[in-house]
Amino acid sequence: MVEFTTEPFELDTFPPHAVAARKVVDEAGLDVAVGPFGTGAEGEADQVLAAVSKLLRESLDAGATRISVQVSVLAEGVARDGSAVGEGGTP
């Protein structure tokens, strides 16, 4: 799983660097969840790591001045919120 935020923030519109980042994770086929402080994307390890590399390059090329990234390894069968898959959590 990767969580990321691109800057600078714009409240009125999606800046090109944010659009580029979202496009990368969508095209990678990751399960994406947008939150108020960042975006999370989940998938297989190789899939996520390849997307992170591309996300960094393309977001910076699109004008990002800072990208915060956190990569987490989730136990198999555990959702992002920590619950077991099938117990109300998101896979």
Foldseek 3Di string as FASTA:
>chain_A
DKKKDFDDDDDPDQQQLNVQLVVLLVVLVWDWDADPHTIDTDDDPVSVVVSVVSSVVRSVVRPTPDMDMDDDDDDPQAAPVGHGPVPPGDD
